[in-house]
Amino acid sequence: MCLAVPTQVVEILPNTMVKVKVGNSSTLLTCSAMLLPEPPKIGDYLIVHAGFAMNKLSPADAEASLQALRELADAMVESGEMAQLEAEQAGG
């Protein structure tokens, strides 16, 4: 199962590539915008999968998605599920 986190365009690169910021984090990644019907602009929100921007989101939709993900993460922390997942990923 894949979970797409909204990204925001921070830089337009050559050859239909863009640099995006993942969610509210400081994580940046480079992806292709070649599948979008129109070239993105700085500040646009995109859904990225497997290195390709799949579609644009409105700022309201992006914020709603990010808020839902924050609520899910908070619930996982409160229930202890986050600690369990982190332990499993660490091999313990």
C-alpha atoms as a PDB file:
ATOM      1  CA  MET A   1       0.000   0.000   0.000  1.00  0.00           C
ATOM      2  CA  CYS A   2       1.274   3.465  -0.859  1.00  0.00           C
ATOM      3  CA  LEU A   3       0.464   6.621   1.031  1.00  0.00           C
ATOM      4  CA  ALA A   4       0.921   9.822  -0.949  1.00  0.00           C
ATOM      5  CA  VAL A   5       1.957  12.870   1.041  1.00  0.00           C
ATOM      6  CA  PRO A   6       1.369  16.265  -0.556  1.00  0.00           C
ATOM      7  CA  THR A   7       4.531  17.998  -1.700  1.00  0.00           C
ATOM      8  CA  GLN A   8       5.114  21.653  -2.572  1.00  0.00           C
ATOM      9  CA  VAL A   9       7.197  22.843  -5.516  1.00  0.00           C
ATOM     10  CA  VAL A  10      10.196  24.872  -4.340  1.00  0.00           C
ATOM     11  CA  GLU A  11      12.285  24.926  -7.524  1.00  0.00           C
ATOM     12  CA  ILE A  12      11.766  24.388 -11.244  1.00  0.00           C
ATOM     13  CA  LEU A  13      14.618  22.389 -12.791  1.00  0.00           C
ATOM     14  CA  PRO A  14      15.534  21.648 -16.433  1.00  0.00           C
ATOM     15  CA  ASN A  15      13.915  18.841 -18.436  1.00  0.00           C
ATOM     16  CA  THR A  16      10.484  18.909 -16.703  1.00  0.00           C
ATOM     17  CA  MET A  17      12.043  18.147 -13.314  1.00  0.00           C
ATOM     18  CA  VAL A  18      11.035  19.919 -10.103  1.00  0.00           C
ATOM     19  CA  LYS A  19      12.329  19.997  -6.546  1.00  0.00           C
ATOM     20  CA  VAL A  20       9.586  19.586  -3.954  1.00  0.00           C
ATOM     21  CA  LYS A  21       9.310  19.789  -0.168  1.00  0.00           C
ATOM     22  CA  VAL A  22       7.577  16.765   1.386  1.00  0.00           C
ATOM     23  CA  GLY A  23       4.652  17.728   3.626  1.00  0.00           C
ATOM     24  CA  ASN A  24       5.627  20.058   6.452  1.00  0.00           C
ATOM     25  CA  SER A  25       9.084  18.513   6.772  1.00  0.00           C
ATOM     26  CA  SER A  26      12.436  19.800   5.587  1.00  0.00           C
ATOM     27  CA  THR A  27      12.791  16.779   3.274  1.00  0.00           C
ATOM     28  CA  LEU A  28      13.342  17.684  -0.375  1.00  0.00           C
ATOM     29  CA  LEU A  29      13.169  15.409  -3.371  1.00  0.00           C
ATOM     30  CA  THR A  30      13.448  15.768  -7.117  1.00  0.00           C
ATOM     31  CA  CYS A  31      10.709  14.400  -9.340  1.00  0.00           C
ATOM     32  CA  SER A  32       9.527  14.522 -12.918  1.00  0.00           C
ATOM     33  CA  ALA A  33       6.575  16.735 -13.845  1.00  0.00           C
ATOM     34  CA  MET A  34       6.303  15.259 -17.348  1.00  0.00           C
ATOM     35  CA  LEU A  35       2.984  13.504 -16.595  1.00  0.00           C
ATOM     36  CA  LEU A  36       1.203  16.693 -15.548  1.00  0.00           C
ATOM     37  CA  PRO A  37      -1.043  18.344 -18.158  1.00  0.00           C
ATOM     38  CA  GLU A  38       0.487  21.765 -17.368  1.00  0.00           C
ATOM     39  CA  PRO A  39       3.925  22.646 -16.017  1.00  0.00           C
ATOM     40  CA  PRO A  40       3.853  23.313 -12.274  1.00  0.00           C
ATOM     41  CA  LYS A  41       4.782  26.630 -10.723  1.00  0.00           C
ATOM     42  CA  ILE A  42       6.698  27.339  -7.529  1.00  0.00           C
ATOM     43  CA  GLY A  43       4.273  26.980  -4.645  1.00  0.00           C
ATOM     44  CA  ASP A  44       2.039  24.408  -6.379  1.00  0.00           C
ATOM     45  CA  TYR A  45       1.103  21.316  -4.399  1.00  0.00           C
ATOM     46  CA  LEU A  46       1.656  17.949  -6.063  1.00  0.00           C
ATOM     47  CA  ILE A  47       1.072  14.293  -5.338  1.00  0.00           C
ATOM     48  CA  VAL A  48       4.263  12.378  -6.187  1.00  0.00           C
ATOM     49  CA  HIS A  49       4.507   8.625  -6.697  1.00  0.00           C
ATOM     50  CA  ALA A  50       7.572   6.668  -7.817  1.00  0.00           C
ATOM     51  CA  GLY A  51       9.426   9.832  -8.796  1.00  0.00           C
ATOM     52  CA  PHE A  52       6.623  11.320 -10.910  1.00  0.00           C
ATOM     53  CA  ALA A  53       4.218  14.138 -10.068  1.00  0.00           C
ATOM     54  CA  MET A  54       0.815  12.575 -10.679  1.00  0.00           C
ATOM     55  CA  ASN A  55      -1.483  15.555 -10.136  1.00  0.00           C
ATOM     56  CA  LYS A  56      -1.809  19.014  -8.628  1.00  0.00           C
ATOM     57  CA  LEU A  57      -3.734  19.725  -5.444  1.00  0.00           C
ATOM     58  CA  SER A  58      -5.381  22.929  -4.337  1.00  0.00           C
ATOM     59  CA  PRO A  59      -3.794  24.474  -1.231  1.00  0.00           C
ATOM     60  CA  ALA A  60      -6.974  23.632   0.714  1.00  0.00           C
ATOM     61  CA  ASP A  61      -6.866  19.965  -0.342  1.00  0.00           C
ATOM     62  CA  ALA A  62      -3.144  19.738   0.440  1.00  0.00           C
ATOM     63  CA  GLU A  63      -3.652  21.218   3.905  1.00  0.00           C
ATOM     64  CA  ALA A  64      -6.618  18.924   4.587  1.00  0.00           C
ATOM     65  CA  SER A  65      -4.493  15.890   3.634  1.00  0.00           C
ATOM     66  CA  LEU A  66      -1.584  17.061   5.774  1.00  0.00           C
ATOM     67  CA  GLN A  67      -3.925  17.690   8.731  1.00  0.00           C
ATOM     68  CA  ALA A  68      -5.408  14.190   8.396  1.00  0.00           C
ATOM     69  CA  LEU A  69      -1.905  12.677   8.308  1.00  0.00           C
ATOM     70  CA  ARG A  70      -0.895  14.688  11.403  1.00  0.00           C
ATOM     71  CA  GLU A  71      -3.994  13.428  13.232  1.00  0.00           C
ATOM     72  CA  LEU A  72      -3.210   9.844  12.232  1.00  0.00           C
ATOM     73  CA  ALA A  73       0.392  10.180  13.417  1.00  0.00           C
ATOM     74  CA  ASP A  74      -0.748  11.721  16.724  1.00  0.00           C
ATOM     75  CA  ALA A  75      -3.228   8.866  17.273  1.00  0.00           C
ATOM     76  CA  MET A  76      -0.498   6.314  16.549  1.00  0.00           C
ATOM     77  CA  VAL A  77       1.819   7.978  19.066  1.00  0.00           C
ATOM     78  CA  GLU A  78      -0.909   8.062  21.732  1.00  0.00           C
ATOM     79  CA  SER A  79      -1.812   4.404  21.224  1.00  0.00           C
ATOM     80  CA  GLY A  80       1.810   3.225  21.238  1.00  0.00           C
ATOM     81  CA  GLU A  81       1.589   1.964  17.649  1.00  0.00           C
ATOM     82  CA  MET A  82       4.284   4.383  16.500  1.00  0.00           C
ATOM     83  CA  ALA A  83       6.786   3.029  19.037  1.00  0.00           C
ATOM     84  CA  GLN A  84       5.938  -0.522  17.970  1.00  0.00           C
ATOM     85  CA  LEU A  85       6.471   0.306  14.289  1.00  0.00           C
ATOM     86  CA  GLU A  86       9.771   2.049  15.025  1.00  0.00           C
ATOM     87  CA  ALA A  87      10.956  -0.965  17.027  1.00  0.00           C
ATOM     88  CA  GLU A  88       9.992  -3.330  14.209  1.00  0.00           C
ATOM     89  CA  GLN A  89      11.840  -1.187  11.664  1.00  0.00           C
ATOM     90  CA  ALA A  90      14.910  -1.110  13.895  1.00  0.00           C
ATOM     91  CA  GLY A  91      14.856  -4.888  13.973  1.00  0.00           C
ATOM     92  CA  GLY A  92      13.791  -5.271  17.552  1.00  0.00           C
END
